[in-house]
Each structure stands twice: as C-alpha cells, then as structure tokens.
Amino acid sequence: MLFGIVVLALIVPSASADLFPSSGPLVSGKTARLRFGRAAAPKNAPLQVKRAVWAANQLRSKPYRYGGGHKSFDDHGYDCSGTISYVLAAAGLIALPMSSTEFRSYGERGPGKWITVYAREGHTFAVFAGLRLDTTPYDHYIGKWAPRWQTVYRPLRGFDARHPVGL
C-alpha cells in the first residue's frame, strides 16, 4: 500500500502540470481585476497567486456538480470545495482535493494578504488578490450555481477564515 501511495505522489504532479495554466492575463496594482468574467492577476503578486487566478479562469465555463473535483482535479463540473481545491492545487498549495470541513483547518487562521479561504460546514469560497471565487449565485448570475468570479460582497458570518502560510 505504501508503494501505491508513493507511485501516486509521483504521478499526480506530472499529470497536474499539464492540467493547470502557467500564464494568463496580468494587471498593475495589488488587486485582481475582472473583465467579462475573466480575472487578471496583479503583476507583483506571488507566482502562486497568479497561478490560482489563471486556474480559476479555466473553471468559469464549468457547471456546478455536487462532488465535482474531488476524485480528480480534472472533472466536468465542480462543487464549492472542488473549485477551491482545483485552484489551490494549480498554485501548488495543496496536493489532494479537500472538503469544506477540511478547509476549516487549512493553513493558518485569519485572512491572508493574497489568499483567504472561507469555510463552514457545507460551503467554501475564497478571495484571491481581492476577487471572490464562489459557486453560489451572490452576483449577477442569479440562480446559477457554478464556479465564478464575483464582485458583490458576501456575508462572512459562520465562516472560518484561513490562508496559506505566507500568503
């Protein structure tokens, strides 16, 4: 069994390298900007933040699917924690998909400088360089559950704020 885990650990990073983008749109300043549903990462952001933003752009045409993104990062649809898992994996910040419950103890407590994951039992979303990535319809995508960048404020009550170490 240990051999199987070691083999899997060696295969996953190489498979993921082809899945996640290594470049994308950039903007000046410290905040990501949204244009026509696609985000541009800040030029001066750490590479992990840029890769997270670019990866999230790949999901904007994917549908919401409960459990999506949990068996594999490469899926046809994504739920909330599958979405955040995909993006953090693209940034090299996690190796395996995580559930909303697992995100409640991810990284360090409190908001991060560049990335903050908000988690509670049953839902997770995150803010990357000032833009919120969420699957719930809190923005102009009324009634449409899907991975999307959103600019409308979302109440944080009941969510635990967590962030990757150093970000």
Protein backbone atom coordinates (compact mmCIF):
# COMPACT_ATOMS: atom_id res chain seq x y z
CA MET A 1 0.00 0.00 0.00
CA LEU A 2 2.84 2.40 0.82
CA PHE A 3 4.31 1.69 -2.62
CA GLY A 4 0.98 2.67 -4.21
CA ILE A 5 0.93 5.98 -2.33
CA VAL A 6 4.50 6.77 -3.39
CA VAL A 7 3.70 5.98 -7.04
CA LEU A 8 0.57 8.14 -6.88
CA ALA A 9 2.55 11.03 -5.36
CA LEU A 10 4.99 10.85 -8.26
CA ILE A 11 2.29 10.67 -10.94
CA VAL A 12 -0.07 13.39 -9.70
CA PRO A 13 2.33 16.35 -10.00
CA SER A 14 3.28 15.49 -13.60
CA ALA A 15 -0.35 14.99 -14.60
CA SER A 16 -1.33 18.24 -12.89
CA ALA A 17 1.41 20.19 -14.67
CA ASP A 18 -0.42 19.69 -17.97
CA LEU A 19 -3.82 20.49 -16.46
CA PHE A 20 -3.10 23.88 -14.90
CA PRO A 21 -2.16 27.08 -16.78
CA SER A 22 1.31 28.56 -16.38
CA SER A 23 0.41 32.01 -17.73
CA GLY A 24 -2.53 34.35 -18.08
CA PRO A 25 -3.65 37.98 -18.01
CA LEU A 26 -1.87 40.46 -15.72
CA VAL A 27 -2.69 43.95 -14.41
CA SER A 28 -0.78 46.55 -12.45
CA GLY A 29 -1.56 47.10 -8.78
CA LYS A 30 -2.23 44.70 -5.92
CA THR A 31 -5.78 43.66 -6.81
CA ALA A 32 -7.00 41.23 -9.45
CA ARG A 33 -9.41 42.78 -11.93
CA LEU A 34 -12.42 41.25 -13.58
CA ARG A 35 -13.33 41.82 -17.21
CA PHE A 36 -16.08 39.88 -18.97
CA GLY A 37 -15.99 37.16 -16.31
CA ARG A 38 -12.24 36.60 -16.56
CA ALA A 39 -9.76 37.80 -13.93
CA ALA A 40 -6.34 39.32 -14.48
CA ALA A 41 -3.80 38.71 -11.72
CA PRO A 42 -1.67 41.51 -10.25
CA LYS A 43 1.79 41.64 -11.87
CA ASN A 44 3.50 41.97 -8.50
CA ALA A 45 1.61 39.11 -6.83
CA PRO A 46 3.49 35.94 -5.85
CA LEU A 47 3.53 33.29 -8.58
CA GLN A 48 1.19 31.06 -6.54
CA VAL A 49 -1.45 33.81 -6.55
CA LYS A 50 -1.12 34.37 -10.29
CA ARG A 51 -1.45 30.65 -10.99
CA ALA A 52 -4.51 30.44 -8.73
CA VAL A 53 -6.21 33.29 -10.59
CA TRP A 54 -5.38 31.84 -14.01
CA ALA A 55 -6.64 28.40 -12.95
CA ALA A 56 -9.91 29.85 -11.66
CA ASN A 57 -10.46 31.40 -15.10
CA GLN A 58 -10.44 27.88 -16.56
CA LEU A 59 -13.42 26.90 -14.41
CA ARG A 60 -15.74 29.77 -15.33
CA SER A 61 -17.47 27.77 -18.07
CA LYS A 62 -17.79 24.60 -15.98
CA PRO A 63 -21.12 23.67 -14.38
CA TYR A 64 -21.76 23.11 -10.70
CA ARG A 65 -21.75 19.42 -9.83
CA TYR A 66 -22.00 18.17 -6.27
CA GLY A 67 -18.84 16.17 -5.53
CA GLY A 68 -17.16 17.54 -8.66
CA GLY A 69 -13.40 17.95 -8.47
CA HIS A 70 -12.99 15.55 -5.55
CA LYS A 71 -11.97 12.31 -7.27
CA SER A 72 -9.76 14.17 -9.74
CA PHE A 73 -8.78 17.77 -10.33
CA ASP A 74 -9.71 17.18 -13.98
CA ASP A 75 -13.51 16.97 -13.92
CA HIS A 76 -16.55 18.03 -15.97
CA GLY A 77 -18.10 20.05 -13.15
CA TYR A 78 -17.08 21.33 -9.72
CA ASP A 79 -18.72 21.94 -6.38
CA CYS A 80 -17.56 24.67 -4.00
CA SER A 81 -14.71 22.83 -2.31
CA GLY A 82 -13.75 21.10 -5.56
CA THR A 83 -13.40 24.55 -7.14
CA ILE A 84 -11.18 25.89 -4.37
CA SER A 85 -9.19 22.63 -4.32
CA TYR A 86 -8.53 22.90 -8.07
CA VAL A 87 -7.32 26.48 -7.79
CA LEU A 88 -5.09 25.86 -4.76
CA ALA A 89 -3.61 22.77 -6.45
CA ALA A 90 -2.81 24.85 -9.54
CA ALA A 91 -0.94 27.22 -7.24
CA GLY A 92 0.99 24.30 -5.72
CA LEU A 93 -0.61 24.88 -2.32
CA ILE A 94 -2.36 21.50 -1.92
CA ALA A 95 -1.76 18.04 -3.38
CA LEU A 96 -5.21 16.46 -3.00
CA PRO A 97 -8.79 17.78 -3.14
CA MET A 98 -10.25 18.89 0.19
CA SER A 99 -13.81 19.09 1.55
CA SER A 100 -15.40 22.19 3.08
CA THR A 101 -14.88 20.65 6.51
CA GLU A 102 -11.18 20.07 5.81
CA PHE A 103 -10.76 23.67 4.65
CA ARG A 104 -11.86 24.82 8.12
CA SER A 105 -8.43 23.76 9.38
CA TYR A 106 -6.41 24.57 6.23
CA GLY A 107 -3.25 26.68 6.52
CA GLU A 108 -3.26 29.40 9.16
CA ARG A 109 -6.15 31.18 10.89
CA GLY A 110 -7.42 34.51 9.70
CA PRO A 111 -7.39 36.37 6.41
CA GLY A 112 -4.27 36.24 4.26
CA LYS A 113 -2.52 39.04 2.40
CA TRP A 114 -3.23 37.48 -1.01
CA ILE A 115 -5.46 34.44 -0.48
CA THR A 116 -8.22 33.83 2.05
CA VAL A 117 -10.32 30.65 2.12
CA TYR A 118 -13.69 30.97 3.87
CA ALA A 119 -15.10 27.65 5.04
CA ARG A 120 -18.00 26.35 7.07
CA GLU A 121 -19.79 23.04 7.23
CA GLY A 122 -21.23 22.58 3.74
CA HIS A 123 -19.70 25.52 1.85
CA THR A 124 -16.34 27.03 0.90
CA PHE A 125 -15.33 30.03 -1.18
CA ALA A 126 -12.14 32.07 -1.41
CA VAL A 127 -10.79 35.52 -2.17
CA PHE A 128 -7.71 35.74 -4.41
CA ALA A 129 -6.00 39.15 -4.68
CA GLY A 130 -9.26 40.87 -3.78
CA LEU A 131 -11.66 38.90 -6.03
CA ARG A 132 -14.09 36.32 -4.68
CA LEU A 133 -14.31 32.89 -6.30
CA ASP A 134 -17.59 31.24 -5.35
CA THR A 135 -20.12 28.74 -6.68
CA THR A 136 -23.23 30.30 -5.12
CA PRO A 137 -25.28 32.93 -7.01
CA TYR A 138 -24.42 36.04 -4.95
CA ASP A 139 -23.64 38.09 -8.06
CA HIS A 140 -25.41 38.82 -11.35
CA TYR A 141 -25.51 35.08 -12.17
CA ILE A 142 -28.85 34.94 -10.37
CA GLY A 143 -29.92 31.38 -9.69
CA LYS A 144 -26.89 29.85 -11.40
CA TRP A 145 -24.66 27.72 -9.20
CA ALA A 146 -21.26 27.40 -10.86
CA PRO A 147 -17.61 28.39 -10.33
CA ARG A 148 -17.47 32.14 -10.98
CA TRP A 149 -15.56 35.27 -10.05
CA GLN A 150 -17.89 37.56 -8.14
CA THR A 151 -17.62 41.19 -7.07
CA VAL A 152 -20.66 41.54 -4.80
CA TYR A 153 -19.99 41.36 -1.07
CA ARG A 154 -20.91 38.08 0.60
CA PRO A 155 -21.72 37.93 4.33
CA LEU A 156 -18.96 36.12 6.23
CA ARG A 157 -20.95 35.14 9.32
CA GLY A 158 -20.41 31.49 10.20
CA PHE A 159 -17.33 31.07 8.00
CA ASP A 160 -13.82 30.36 9.28
CA ALA A 161 -11.18 32.48 7.52
CA ARG A 162 -7.97 30.57 6.67
CA HIS A 163 -4.99 31.30 4.47
CA PRO A 164 -1.95 29.53 3.04
CA VAL A 165 1.20 30.12 5.07
CA GLY A 166 2.89 33.31 3.89
CA LEU A 167 0.09 34.35 1.55
